[in-house]
């Protein structure tokens, strides 16, 4: 991003503050090519103790400031045996097992409908564009279903088996609340997941956070390039 302005979250009224060490906590405004962009350097998670409305407040702000497309990324555990750490997965659908929903409560019709349709939360045209760019840039990508749980405890072997049975390819603790609010706000959505570790129940090993951070750091240039090219060609 050709940065024009960066604002710390603690300077923005009603903005939560990320408690995750690796999240800087800044809202960045700038350009990618000729496109105006707004980026979050650090996100909020349900397991940090924030409400769903707090977690998704930044998406409301983005929409209010004129954003029409949400590009969201995450680190996740890979449950599909064909996926390997370092892969980027284009999210085609999701499963919400967090046990909460950011739209619970009184609906403001000026923000979106009471019962938003979720039959296609991730925009097909953006999925196709991301696939095409990945092919051109020789970036290995997968496609699949992301399941979100509340965390912060990781899943048991039995839970991983259950999540695979219901159709999930990767598992994480974010993304879904923001996507629900983006769809409610009539925004287009593209989601990309970086597979940081393998979560195969019959070959499960204790998680090494340093190894996860290392894999995520190695995948970051590919993810950044893919995101940048998508924005340029939207």
Protein backbone atom coordinates (compact mmCIF):
# COMPACT_ATOMS: atom_id res chain seq x y z
CA UNK A 1 0.00 0.00 0.00
CA UNK A 2 1.23 3.46 -0.87
CA UNK A 3 0.40 4.77 2.58
CA UNK A 4 -1.17 8.19 2.94
CA UNK A 5 -2.44 8.07 6.53
CA UNK A 6 -2.16 5.67 9.48
CA UNK A 7 -4.33 6.04 12.57
CA UNK A 8 -3.80 4.05 15.75
CA UNK A 9 -6.90 2.17 16.90
CA UNK A 10 -6.74 3.87 20.29
CA UNK A 11 -7.31 7.22 18.56
CA UNK A 12 -10.58 6.10 16.95
CA UNK A 13 -13.78 6.41 19.03
CA UNK A 14 -15.39 3.03 19.89
CA UNK A 15 -12.60 1.05 18.19
CA UNK A 16 -11.44 -2.02 20.17
CA UNK A 17 -7.73 -2.54 20.83
CA UNK A 18 -6.18 -5.81 19.66
CA UNK A 19 -4.56 -7.83 22.44
CA UNK A 20 -2.71 -10.14 20.01
CA UNK A 21 1.06 -9.48 20.14
CA UNK A 22 1.63 -9.77 16.39
CA UNK A 23 -1.17 -7.30 15.53
CA UNK A 24 0.03 -3.68 15.30
CA UNK A 25 -3.35 -2.00 15.77
CA UNK A 26 -3.50 0.66 13.05
CA UNK A 27 -5.98 1.70 10.38
CA UNK A 28 -4.14 2.49 7.16
CA UNK A 29 -5.44 4.59 4.27
CA UNK A 30 -3.69 4.71 0.93
CA UNK A 31 -3.56 3.49 -2.67
CA UNK A 32 -2.89 0.27 -4.52
CA UNK A 33 -2.49 1.32 -8.13
CA UNK A 34 -5.35 3.73 -8.78
CA UNK A 35 -7.60 2.18 -6.12
CA UNK A 36 -8.24 3.83 -2.76
CA UNK A 37 -7.89 1.29 0.03
CA UNK A 38 -8.37 1.09 3.77
CA UNK A 39 -6.52 -1.66 5.63
CA UNK A 40 -6.57 -2.99 9.17
CA UNK A 41 -3.16 -3.77 10.63
CA UNK A 42 -4.44 -6.09 13.31
CA UNK A 43 -7.90 -7.52 13.91
CA UNK A 44 -10.07 -8.46 16.88
CA UNK A 45 -11.14 -11.92 17.97
CA UNK A 46 -14.10 -13.22 19.94
CA UNK A 47 -11.74 -15.04 22.32
CA UNK A 48 -10.23 -11.69 23.38
CA UNK A 49 -13.50 -10.96 25.14
CA UNK A 50 -14.97 -8.53 22.63
CA UNK A 51 -18.59 -8.69 21.55
CA UNK A 52 -19.52 -9.57 17.98
CA UNK A 53 -20.58 -5.96 17.39
CA UNK A 54 -17.19 -4.70 18.58
CA UNK A 55 -15.34 -7.19 16.38
CA UNK A 56 -17.27 -6.13 13.29
CA UNK A 57 -17.43 -2.38 13.99
CA UNK A 58 -14.46 -1.72 11.64
CA UNK A 59 -16.43 -3.23 8.73
CA UNK A 60 -19.27 -0.81 9.45
CA UNK A 61 -16.74 2.04 9.43
CA UNK A 62 -15.29 0.85 6.11
CA UNK A 63 -18.72 0.72 4.52
CA UNK A 64 -19.62 4.17 5.87
CA UNK A 65 -16.41 5.59 4.39
CA UNK A 66 -17.30 4.24 0.96
CA UNK A 67 -15.67 0.80 0.74
CA UNK A 68 -17.63 -1.58 -1.49
CA UNK A 69 -15.40 -4.67 -1.27
CA UNK A 70 -13.95 -6.52 1.73
CA UNK A 71 -10.75 -8.53 1.27
CA UNK A 72 -10.12 -10.58 4.39
CA UNK A 73 -7.29 -12.95 5.30
CA UNK A 74 -6.46 -15.27 8.16
CA UNK A 75 -4.12 -17.94 9.41
CA UNK A 76 -5.76 -21.33 9.83
CA UNK A 77 -5.24 -24.99 10.54
CA UNK A 78 -5.49 -27.33 7.56
CA UNK A 79 -7.75 -30.36 7.99
CA UNK A 80 -7.94 -31.37 4.34
CA UNK A 81 -5.18 -33.98 3.87
CA UNK A 82 -4.39 -32.54 0.42
CA UNK A 83 -3.40 -29.20 1.97
CA UNK A 84 0.12 -28.50 3.23
CA UNK A 85 1.43 -25.76 5.53
CA UNK A 86 2.17 -22.64 3.50
CA UNK A 87 -0.72 -23.18 1.09
CA UNK A 88 -3.12 -20.32 0.44
CA UNK A 89 -6.78 -21.32 0.34
CA UNK A 90 -9.42 -19.22 -1.40
CA UNK A 91 -12.53 -19.40 0.79
CA UNK A 92 -15.56 -20.56 -1.17
CA UNK A 93 -17.92 -20.84 1.82
CA UNK A 94 -17.85 -20.91 5.59
CA UNK A 95 -19.42 -22.57 8.62
CA UNK A 96 -20.11 -20.46 11.71
CA UNK A 97 -19.57 -22.49 14.88
CA UNK A 98 -18.56 -19.55 17.05
CA UNK A 99 -21.94 -19.76 18.74
CA UNK A 100 -22.81 -16.10 18.21
CA UNK A 101 -23.77 -13.77 15.37
CA UNK A 102 -23.01 -10.04 14.94
CA UNK A 103 -26.55 -9.38 13.65
CA UNK A 104 -28.34 -10.51 16.82
CA UNK A 105 -30.40 -7.67 18.28
CA UNK A 106 -32.40 -4.82 16.81
CA UNK A 107 -31.78 -4.47 13.07
CA UNK A 108 -31.04 -1.06 11.58
CA UNK A 109 -32.62 -1.16 8.11
CA UNK A 110 -30.31 1.61 6.93
CA UNK A 111 -27.37 -0.77 7.40
CA UNK A 112 -28.91 -3.88 5.85
CA UNK A 113 -31.84 -6.31 5.86
CA UNK A 114 -33.09 -8.18 8.93
CA UNK A 115 -32.41 -11.57 7.30
CA UNK A 116 -29.48 -11.22 4.86
CA UNK A 117 -29.10 -14.03 2.32
CA UNK A 118 -25.93 -16.09 2.86
CA UNK A 119 -26.19 -18.44 -0.12
CA UNK A 120 -23.11 -16.80 -1.68
CA UNK A 121 -21.14 -14.89 0.98
CA UNK A 122 -17.93 -14.97 -1.06
CA UNK A 123 -18.20 -13.25 -4.44
CA UNK A 124 -17.79 -15.72 -7.32
CA UNK A 125 -16.22 -13.16 -9.64
CA UNK A 126 -13.53 -12.34 -7.06
CA UNK A 127 -12.85 -16.05 -6.44
CA UNK A 128 -12.37 -16.56 -10.19
CA UNK A 129 -10.14 -13.47 -10.41
CA UNK A 130 -7.98 -14.68 -7.51
CA UNK A 131 -7.63 -18.10 -9.15
CA UNK A 132 -6.61 -16.53 -12.46
CA UNK A 133 -4.03 -14.27 -10.83
CA UNK A 134 -2.61 -17.18 -8.80
CA UNK A 135 -2.17 -19.13 -12.04
CA UNK A 136 -0.42 -16.20 -13.73
CA UNK A 137 1.86 -15.57 -10.74
CA UNK A 138 2.53 -19.29 -10.18
CA UNK A 139 1.15 -19.17 -6.64
CA UNK A 140 -0.13 -22.49 -5.31
CA UNK A 141 -3.71 -22.04 -4.13
CA UNK A 142 -6.45 -24.32 -2.86
CA UNK A 143 -10.18 -23.69 -2.61
CA UNK A 144 -12.38 -24.78 0.26
CA UNK A 145 -14.60 -24.20 3.26
CA UNK A 146 -13.48 -22.29 6.36
CA UNK A 147 -15.02 -23.12 9.73
CA UNK A 148 -14.82 -20.60 12.57
CA UNK A 149 -14.81 -21.55 16.25
CA UNK A 150 -14.60 -19.27 19.25
CA UNK A 151 -11.22 -20.40 20.60
CA UNK A 152 -8.89 -19.77 22.26
CA UNK A 153 -8.41 -23.48 23.05
CA UNK A 154 -7.48 -25.51 20.01
CA UNK A 155 -9.55 -28.44 18.82
CA UNK A 156 -9.46 -32.02 20.05
CA UNK A 157 -8.96 -34.97 17.73
CA UNK A 158 -12.70 -35.72 17.93
CA UNK A 159 -13.54 -32.12 17.06
CA UNK A 160 -11.25 -32.18 14.01
CA UNK A 161 -12.97 -35.37 12.83
CA UNK A 162 -16.38 -33.74 13.33
CA UNK A 163 -15.36 -30.60 11.44
CA UNK A 164 -14.14 -32.66 8.47
CA UNK A 165 -17.36 -34.70 8.43
CA UNK A 166 -19.48 -31.54 8.19
CA UNK A 167 -17.47 -30.30 5.22
CA UNK A 168 -14.75 -27.96 6.50
CA UNK A 169 -11.28 -27.88 4.96
CA UNK A 170 -9.62 -25.44 7.35
CA UNK A 171 -10.36 -24.12 10.85
CA UNK A 172 -9.77 -20.76 12.49
CA UNK A 173 -11.05 -18.24 15.04
CA UNK A 174 -11.88 -15.18 12.93
CA UNK A 175 -13.17 -13.90 9.57
CA UNK A 176 -16.76 -15.18 9.68
CA UNK A 177 -18.19 -12.34 11.82
CA UNK A 178 -16.66 -9.71 9.51
CA UNK A 179 -17.96 -11.50 6.42
CA UNK A 180 -21.49 -11.73 7.84
CA UNK A 181 -21.53 -7.98 8.43
CA UNK A 182 -20.03 -7.29 5.00
CA UNK A 183 -22.78 -9.34 3.35
CA UNK A 184 -25.37 -7.58 5.50
CA UNK A 185 -23.88 -4.30 4.19
CA UNK A 186 -24.08 -5.45 0.53
CA UNK A 187 -20.30 -5.53 0.15
CA UNK A 188 -18.44 -7.88 -2.16
CA UNK A 189 -16.15 -10.31 -0.32
CA UNK A 190 -12.97 -12.26 -1.02
CA UNK A 191 -11.45 -14.41 1.71
CA UNK A 192 -7.97 -15.95 1.71
CA UNK A 193 -6.61 -18.35 4.33
CA UNK A 194 -2.96 -19.22 4.95
CA UNK A 195 -2.63 -22.83 6.11
CA UNK A 196 -0.07 -22.63 8.91
CA UNK A 197 -0.22 -26.17 10.27
CA UNK A 198 -1.76 -29.58 9.61
CA UNK A 199 -4.64 -30.65 11.84
CA UNK A 200 -5.05 -34.30 10.91
CA UNK A 201 -6.58 -36.12 13.90
CA UNK A 202 -4.69 -39.37 13.37
CA UNK A 203 -1.34 -37.58 13.11
CA UNK A 204 -1.91 -34.69 15.49
CA UNK A 205 1.07 -33.06 17.19
CA UNK A 206 1.18 -30.33 19.84
CA UNK A 207 1.07 -26.89 18.25
CA UNK A 208 4.35 -24.97 17.94
CA UNK A 209 3.38 -21.28 17.85
CA UNK A 210 6.84 -20.24 16.63
CA UNK A 211 6.56 -22.68 13.71
CA UNK A 212 3.10 -21.29 12.87
CA UNK A 213 4.50 -17.74 12.85
CA UNK A 214 7.40 -18.89 10.65
CA UNK A 215 5.08 -20.52 8.09
CA UNK A 216 2.81 -17.47 8.10
CA UNK A 217 5.80 -15.16 7.52
CA UNK A 218 7.00 -17.30 4.59
CA UNK A 219 3.54 -17.23 3.00
CA UNK A 220 3.05 -13.49 3.52
CA UNK A 221 4.77 -12.32 0.29
CA UNK A 222 2.56 -14.64 -1.80
CA UNK A 223 -0.57 -13.51 0.02
CA UNK A 224 0.39 -9.84 -0.35
CA UNK A 225 1.07 -10.22 -4.07
CA UNK A 226 -2.22 -12.02 -4.63
CA UNK A 227 -4.19 -9.39 -2.70
CA UNK A 228 -2.42 -6.55 -4.50
CA UNK A 229 -3.09 -7.96 -7.97
CA UNK A 230 -6.74 -8.60 -7.12
CA UNK A 231 -7.21 -4.99 -6.00
CA UNK A 232 -5.47 -3.66 -9.11
CA UNK A 233 -7.73 -5.68 -11.43
CA UNK A 234 -11.07 -5.38 -9.66
